[in-house]
């Protein structure tokens, strides 16, 4: 499989939305309320990503992973760390906001490629550490551990009427 990781363009919004919806519906089944997942639609997500790609600013970026002959099969968004409930003294300068790869393409190095490129981009912008939030029940947390992330925080967030435990995995020194 030939893979290209590149910066997202406005025309990628629909493809990113497809990956977003499909990965949420498979990954989060049983973790977040089913009624939310059932209502998720590509059209609404395409609108969201169209706006997000148009207003990329303040150092935020979106990358896509493309497989030859298939198109976009994964994406990641990242930028400066947001105020996100990280305990005092463990401040991270960068944040991985999203990282999703279609289930059929997981385990092929796409997530690793997206995460490494995000780290490289953050580091090039002077952001030397990063954090990503993941639902405690999401098996992706083991991927972040394999990628060197250390559990740095925990929070309870409310989403779609449910209280969800999220774990923050951090990297203190991003590769330069």
Protein backbone atom coordinates (compact mmCIF):
# COMPACT_ATOMS: atom_id res chain seq x y z
CA UNK A 1 0.00 0.00 0.00
CA UNK A 2 1.41 3.36 -0.99
CA UNK A 3 0.72 5.99 1.65
CA UNK A 4 1.00 9.74 1.54
CA UNK A 5 0.64 11.97 4.59
CA UNK A 6 -0.01 15.57 3.64
CA UNK A 7 -1.58 18.77 4.89
CA UNK A 8 -5.36 18.78 4.41
CA UNK A 9 -6.91 21.05 1.81
CA UNK A 10 -10.44 22.53 1.83
CA UNK A 11 -11.55 19.94 -0.73
CA UNK A 12 -10.74 17.15 1.75
CA UNK A 13 -13.63 18.06 4.09
CA UNK A 14 -15.99 15.37 2.78
CA UNK A 15 -13.36 12.63 2.96
CA UNK A 16 -12.33 13.67 6.46
CA UNK A 17 -16.00 13.66 7.49
CA UNK A 18 -16.41 10.10 6.16
CA UNK A 19 -13.44 8.90 8.20
CA UNK A 20 -14.66 10.85 11.24
CA UNK A 21 -18.15 9.31 11.18
CA UNK A 22 -17.03 5.74 10.38
CA UNK A 23 -14.32 5.69 13.04
CA UNK A 24 -16.59 7.13 15.72
CA UNK A 25 -19.37 4.67 14.95
CA UNK A 26 -17.01 1.69 15.22
CA UNK A 27 -14.61 2.88 17.93
CA UNK A 28 -17.06 4.46 20.32
CA UNK A 29 -19.93 1.95 20.15
CA UNK A 30 -20.68 1.11 23.76
CA UNK A 31 -18.50 3.97 25.03
CA UNK A 32 -20.69 6.96 24.20
CA UNK A 33 -24.48 7.04 23.91
CA UNK A 34 -25.70 5.05 20.89
CA UNK A 35 -28.31 7.67 20.02
CA UNK A 36 -25.52 10.16 19.35
CA UNK A 37 -23.60 7.74 17.13
CA UNK A 38 -26.71 6.80 15.15
CA UNK A 39 -27.47 10.47 14.47
CA UNK A 40 -23.93 11.27 13.31
CA UNK A 41 -23.99 12.08 9.63
CA UNK A 42 -21.44 12.80 6.96
CA UNK A 43 -23.28 15.92 5.81
CA UNK A 44 -23.10 17.59 9.23
CA UNK A 45 -19.49 16.53 9.70
CA UNK A 46 -18.60 17.76 6.20
CA UNK A 47 -19.96 21.17 7.20
CA UNK A 48 -17.92 21.08 10.38
CA UNK A 49 -14.69 20.14 8.57
CA UNK A 50 -15.31 22.65 5.77
CA UNK A 51 -15.46 25.41 8.38
CA UNK A 52 -12.55 23.99 10.38
CA UNK A 53 -10.28 23.78 7.34
CA UNK A 54 -11.25 27.30 6.25
CA UNK A 55 -10.37 28.81 9.62
CA UNK A 56 -7.15 26.99 10.40
CA UNK A 57 -5.28 29.60 12.36
CA UNK A 58 -3.24 30.15 15.49
CA UNK A 59 -0.99 27.23 14.57
CA UNK A 60 -3.71 24.56 14.23
CA UNK A 61 -3.32 22.10 11.38
CA UNK A 62 -4.96 19.03 9.85
CA UNK A 63 -3.10 16.20 8.14
CA UNK A 64 -4.63 13.44 6.04
CA UNK A 65 -3.30 9.98 5.23
CA UNK A 66 -4.13 8.77 1.75
CA UNK A 67 -3.84 5.24 0.43
CA UNK A 68 -3.23 4.95 -3.31
CA UNK A 69 -6.45 4.19 -5.14
CA UNK A 70 -8.55 4.63 -2.00
CA UNK A 71 -8.18 8.25 -0.94
CA UNK A 72 -8.24 9.59 2.60
CA UNK A 73 -8.19 6.78 5.17
CA UNK A 74 -7.07 8.73 8.23
CA UNK A 75 -6.53 12.21 9.60
CA UNK A 76 -5.13 14.12 12.52
CA UNK A 77 -5.56 17.66 13.79
CA UNK A 78 -3.20 19.40 16.18
CA UNK A 79 -1.91 22.72 17.40
CA UNK A 80 -1.26 24.70 20.57
CA UNK A 81 -2.52 23.10 23.76
CA UNK A 82 -5.97 24.22 24.83
CA UNK A 83 -7.03 24.86 28.41
CA UNK A 84 -7.99 21.29 29.11
CA UNK A 85 -7.86 20.50 32.79
CA UNK A 86 -4.28 19.24 32.94
CA UNK A 87 -3.02 19.33 36.54
CA UNK A 88 -0.87 22.28 37.53
CA UNK A 89 2.79 21.66 36.84
CA UNK A 90 2.19 19.30 33.93
CA UNK A 91 1.48 21.88 31.24
CA UNK A 92 1.94 20.76 27.66
CA UNK A 93 2.58 23.27 24.88
CA UNK A 94 1.03 21.29 22.02
CA UNK A 95 -2.02 19.09 21.66
CA UNK A 96 -3.15 16.38 19.27
CA UNK A 97 -6.84 17.22 18.94
CA UNK A 98 -7.85 14.24 16.78
CA UNK A 99 -6.27 11.14 15.28
CA UNK A 100 -8.49 8.67 13.43
CA UNK A 101 -7.75 5.87 10.96
CA UNK A 102 -10.44 3.74 9.30
CA UNK A 103 -10.65 0.30 10.96
CA UNK A 104 -9.62 -1.55 7.77
CA UNK A 105 -6.39 0.47 7.66
CA UNK A 106 -5.41 0.28 11.32
CA UNK A 107 -2.28 -1.67 12.21
CA UNK A 108 -0.51 -0.61 8.99
CA UNK A 109 1.51 2.29 10.34
CA UNK A 110 -0.89 5.07 9.31
CA UNK A 111 -1.58 6.26 12.86
CA UNK A 112 2.14 6.21 13.59
CA UNK A 113 2.87 8.24 10.43
CA UNK A 114 0.18 10.81 11.27
CA UNK A 115 1.32 11.14 14.88
CA UNK A 116 5.00 11.48 13.96
CA UNK A 117 4.25 14.12 11.34
CA UNK A 118 2.08 16.01 13.84
CA UNK A 119 4.94 15.90 16.37
CA UNK A 120 7.39 17.15 13.73
CA UNK A 121 5.06 20.02 12.81
CA UNK A 122 4.47 20.98 16.44
CA UNK A 123 8.18 20.90 17.17
CA UNK A 124 8.96 23.04 14.11
CA UNK A 125 6.59 25.65 15.55
CA UNK A 126 8.43 25.70 18.88
CA UNK A 127 5.94 23.49 20.73
CA UNK A 128 8.14 20.96 22.51
CA UNK A 129 5.56 18.76 24.23
CA UNK A 130 2.11 17.38 23.40
CA UNK A 131 -0.95 15.83 24.98
CA UNK A 132 -3.82 13.81 23.55
CA UNK A 133 -7.09 12.96 25.31
CA UNK A 134 -8.61 9.50 24.83
CA UNK A 135 -11.65 7.84 26.38
CA UNK A 136 -10.54 5.48 29.12
CA UNK A 137 -12.38 2.58 27.43
CA UNK A 138 -10.84 3.22 24.02
CA UNK A 139 -8.22 0.59 23.10
CA UNK A 140 -6.32 3.33 21.18
CA UNK A 141 -4.77 4.28 24.52
CA UNK A 142 -2.46 1.27 24.12
CA UNK A 143 -1.29 2.69 20.76
CA UNK A 144 -0.38 5.96 22.47
CA UNK A 145 1.53 4.05 25.13
CA UNK A 146 3.45 2.13 22.43
CA UNK A 147 4.25 5.48 20.82
CA UNK A 148 5.89 6.63 24.06
CA UNK A 149 2.98 8.57 25.55
CA UNK A 150 2.84 8.63 29.34
CA UNK A 151 -0.40 8.93 31.23
CA UNK A 152 -0.35 12.51 32.46
CA UNK A 153 -3.93 13.38 33.40
CA UNK A 154 -7.47 12.18 33.90
CA UNK A 155 -10.72 14.08 33.69
CA UNK A 156 -14.43 13.46 33.59
CA UNK A 157 -16.24 15.18 30.77
CA UNK A 158 -19.91 15.36 29.89
CA UNK A 159 -20.77 14.36 26.33
CA UNK A 160 -24.18 13.62 24.80
CA UNK A 161 -25.71 13.36 28.26
CA UNK A 162 -23.13 10.94 29.64
CA UNK A 163 -20.18 11.44 31.97
CA UNK A 164 -17.07 10.01 30.33
CA UNK A 165 -13.64 9.35 31.81
CA UNK A 166 -10.85 10.65 29.60
CA UNK A 167 -7.15 9.95 29.98
CA UNK A 168 -4.48 12.41 28.86
CA UNK A 169 -1.34 10.88 27.35
CA UNK A 170 1.63 13.16 27.06
CA UNK A 171 5.00 13.44 25.40
CA UNK A 172 7.33 15.84 27.24
CA UNK A 173 10.08 16.11 24.63
CA UNK A 174 8.91 15.94 21.04
CA UNK A 175 11.44 14.68 18.51
CA UNK A 176 13.07 17.55 16.61
